[in-house]
Structures are given as C-alpha cells and as structure tokens.
Amino acid sequence: MLWDLVFVGLLLFLIPRLRVRGVVFWLFLILYSAGRIWTHEYRTDGGQVLGLQEAQFLGLLTLAIAVPGLLWVLFTRAQAPATRE
C-alpha cells in the first residue's frame, strides 16, 4: 500500500509536466506492475504459474503490454502536444 501511495504521488507530480496524452496511464501500469512483482517476491502464499506467484506472473504480463504501449504513445503522439480543456 505504501508503494501505491508513493507512485501515485509521483504521477500527480508528473501530470502537469508531461506533454503527451496517455503517458500517465502507461506509467501507472508499469509502476503498479513493478510494485506487484517486488512485493509478492516476499510472500509465500498464493498459487504458482510457471514458477512465479500469480501476482508476479500477471505483473510481468502487464509489463509486457505496458512498456510497448508507453513507447508507442511517446513515439506516435510526441508530434501532437496535448491540449488542455
């Protein structure tokens, strides 16, 4: 839970500084997944999938989707800056 508060604070700090729409969403997924992988490394309960706990497996799966998603947003939308309404 503390990890969640730290990265939400970081994202709230970054929101006004980011010019490309969608970056905060992908950063949220990346940070949350990394936190799940890290925190569940120390837990002993839960099922196993391919030698990892379920939360770790889903975290890796989410990272496999979120990192390319962030790169796609950065490289395709960097030409058109976000507009504030």
C-alpha atoms as a PDB file:
ATOM      1  CA  MET A   1       0.000   0.000   0.000  1.00  0.00           C
ATOM      2  CA  LEU A   2       2.841   2.382   0.769  1.00  0.00           C
ATOM      3  CA  TRP A   3       4.273   1.651  -2.675  1.00  0.00           C
ATOM      4  CA  ASP A   4       0.956   2.667  -4.245  1.00  0.00           C
ATOM      5  CA  LEU A   5       0.920   5.984  -2.391  1.00  0.00           C
ATOM      6  CA  VAL A   6       4.486   6.760  -3.424  1.00  0.00           C
ATOM      7  CA  PHE A   7       3.920   6.217  -7.116  1.00  0.00           C
ATOM      8  CA  VAL A   8       0.536   7.981  -7.129  1.00  0.00           C
ATOM      9  CA  GLY A   9       2.299  10.977  -5.580  1.00  0.00           C
ATOM     10  CA  LEU A  10       4.978  10.729  -8.265  1.00  0.00           C
ATOM     11  CA  LEU A  11       2.361  10.567 -11.030  1.00  0.00           C
ATOM     12  CA  LEU A  12       0.446  13.532  -9.584  1.00  0.00           C
ATOM     13  CA  PHE A  13       3.720  15.445  -9.613  1.00  0.00           C
ATOM     14  CA  LEU A  14       4.387  14.479 -13.241  1.00  0.00           C
ATOM     15  CA  ILE A  15       0.912  15.145 -14.685  1.00  0.00           C
ATOM     16  CA  PRO A  16       1.400  18.889 -15.317  1.00  0.00           C
ATOM     17  CA  ARG A  17       4.905  18.326 -16.683  1.00  0.00           C
ATOM     18  CA  LEU A  18       4.051  15.705 -19.288  1.00  0.00           C
ATOM     19  CA  ARG A  19       3.088  16.993 -22.700  1.00  0.00           C
ATOM     20  CA  VAL A  20       1.932  13.738 -24.300  1.00  0.00           C
ATOM     21  CA  ARG A  21      -1.502  12.316 -23.531  1.00  0.00           C
ATOM     22  CA  GLY A  22      -1.604   8.756 -22.268  1.00  0.00           C
ATOM     23  CA  VAL A  23       1.836   8.694 -20.679  1.00  0.00           C
ATOM     24  CA  VAL A  24       0.492   8.782 -17.109  1.00  0.00           C
ATOM     25  CA  PHE A  25      -1.737   5.760 -17.766  1.00  0.00           C
ATOM     26  CA  TRP A  26       1.122   3.654 -19.104  1.00  0.00           C
ATOM     27  CA  LEU A  27       3.452   4.816 -16.330  1.00  0.00           C
ATOM     28  CA  PHE A  28       0.803   3.821 -13.789  1.00  0.00           C
ATOM     29  CA  LEU A  29       0.617   0.322 -15.256  1.00  0.00           C
ATOM     30  CA  ILE A  30       4.396  -0.021 -15.293  1.00  0.00           C
ATOM     31  CA  LEU A  31       4.892   1.192 -11.730  1.00  0.00           C
ATOM     32  CA  TYR A  32       1.992  -0.827 -10.347  1.00  0.00           C
ATOM     33  CA  SER A  33       3.215  -3.995 -12.060  1.00  0.00           C
ATOM     34  CA  ALA A  34       6.766  -3.473 -10.831  1.00  0.00           C
ATOM     35  CA  GLY A  35       5.427  -2.983  -7.322  1.00  0.00           C
ATOM     36  CA  ARG A  36       3.360  -6.168  -7.503  1.00  0.00           C
ATOM     37  CA  ILE A  37       6.344  -8.172  -8.702  1.00  0.00           C
ATOM     38  CA  TRP A  38       8.585  -6.755  -5.985  1.00  0.00           C
ATOM     39  CA  THR A  39       6.164  -7.016  -3.047  1.00  0.00           C
ATOM     40  CA  HIS A  40       4.984 -10.513  -3.916  1.00  0.00           C
ATOM     41  CA  GLU A  41       8.561 -11.740  -4.008  1.00  0.00           C
ATOM     42  CA  TYR A  42       8.428 -11.833  -0.201  1.00  0.00           C
ATOM     43  CA  ARG A  43       5.040 -13.533   0.154  1.00  0.00           C
ATOM     44  CA  THR A  44       4.732 -17.277   0.464  1.00  0.00           C
ATOM     45  CA  ASP A  45       1.015 -17.758  -0.143  1.00  0.00           C
ATOM     46  CA  GLY A  46      -0.775 -17.860  -3.475  1.00  0.00           C
ATOM     47  CA  GLY A  47      -0.769 -20.147  -6.470  1.00  0.00           C
ATOM     48  CA  GLN A  48       2.091 -20.802  -8.818  1.00  0.00           C
ATOM     49  CA  VAL A  49       2.104 -20.115 -12.556  1.00  0.00           C
ATOM     50  CA  LEU A  50       5.285 -21.044 -14.451  1.00  0.00           C
ATOM     51  CA  GLY A  51       7.288 -20.914 -11.225  1.00  0.00           C
ATOM     52  CA  LEU A  52       6.015 -17.469 -10.236  1.00  0.00           C
ATOM     53  CA  GLN A  53       3.225 -16.418  -7.951  1.00  0.00           C
ATOM     54  CA  GLU A  54       0.050 -15.414  -9.760  1.00  0.00           C
ATOM     55  CA  ALA A  55       0.544 -11.723  -8.933  1.00  0.00           C
ATOM     56  CA  GLN A  56       4.085 -11.805 -10.273  1.00  0.00           C
ATOM     57  CA  PHE A  57       3.020 -13.561 -13.457  1.00  0.00           C
ATOM     58  CA  LEU A  58       0.250 -11.003 -14.041  1.00  0.00           C
ATOM     59  CA  GLY A  59       2.690  -8.201 -13.241  1.00  0.00           C
ATOM     60  CA  LEU A  60       5.103  -9.465 -15.883  1.00  0.00           C
ATOM     61  CA  LEU A  61       2.266  -9.850 -18.360  1.00  0.00           C
ATOM     62  CA  THR A  62       1.127  -6.295 -17.667  1.00  0.00           C
ATOM     63  CA  LEU A  63       4.694  -5.030 -18.063  1.00  0.00           C
ATOM     64  CA  ALA A  64       4.951  -6.840 -21.388  1.00  0.00           C
ATOM     65  CA  ILE A  65       1.925  -4.836 -22.552  1.00  0.00           C
ATOM     66  CA  ALA A  66       2.613  -1.518 -20.798  1.00  0.00           C
ATOM     67  CA  VAL A  67       6.219  -0.914 -21.858  1.00  0.00           C
ATOM     68  CA  PRO A  68       5.476  -1.183 -25.602  1.00  0.00           C
ATOM     69  CA  GLY A  69       2.304   0.847 -25.007  1.00  0.00           C
ATOM     70  CA  LEU A  70       4.298   3.648 -23.388  1.00  0.00           C
ATOM     71  CA  LEU A  71       6.848   3.597 -26.186  1.00  0.00           C
ATOM     72  CA  TRP A  72       4.072   3.682 -28.780  1.00  0.00           C
ATOM     73  CA  VAL A  73       2.431   6.690 -27.104  1.00  0.00           C
ATOM     74  CA  LEU A  74       5.738   8.511 -26.806  1.00  0.00           C
ATOM     75  CA  PHE A  75       6.795   7.956 -30.407  1.00  0.00           C
ATOM     76  CA  THR A  76       3.436   8.349 -32.169  1.00  0.00           C
ATOM     77  CA  ARG A  77       1.912  11.157 -30.140  1.00  0.00           C
ATOM     78  CA  ALA A  78       5.020  13.194 -29.446  1.00  0.00           C
ATOM     79  CA  GLN A  79       4.414  15.231 -32.583  1.00  0.00           C
ATOM     80  CA  ALA A  80       0.966  16.430 -31.429  1.00  0.00           C
ATOM     81  CA  PRO A  81       1.111  18.029 -27.949  1.00  0.00           C
ATOM     82  CA  ALA A  82      -1.817  17.532 -25.600  1.00  0.00           C
ATOM     83  CA  THR A  83      -4.282  20.373 -25.308  1.00  0.00           C
ATOM     84  CA  ARG A  84      -5.798  21.494 -22.043  1.00  0.00           C
ATOM     85  CA  GLU A  85      -9.537  21.984 -21.992  1.00  0.00           C
END
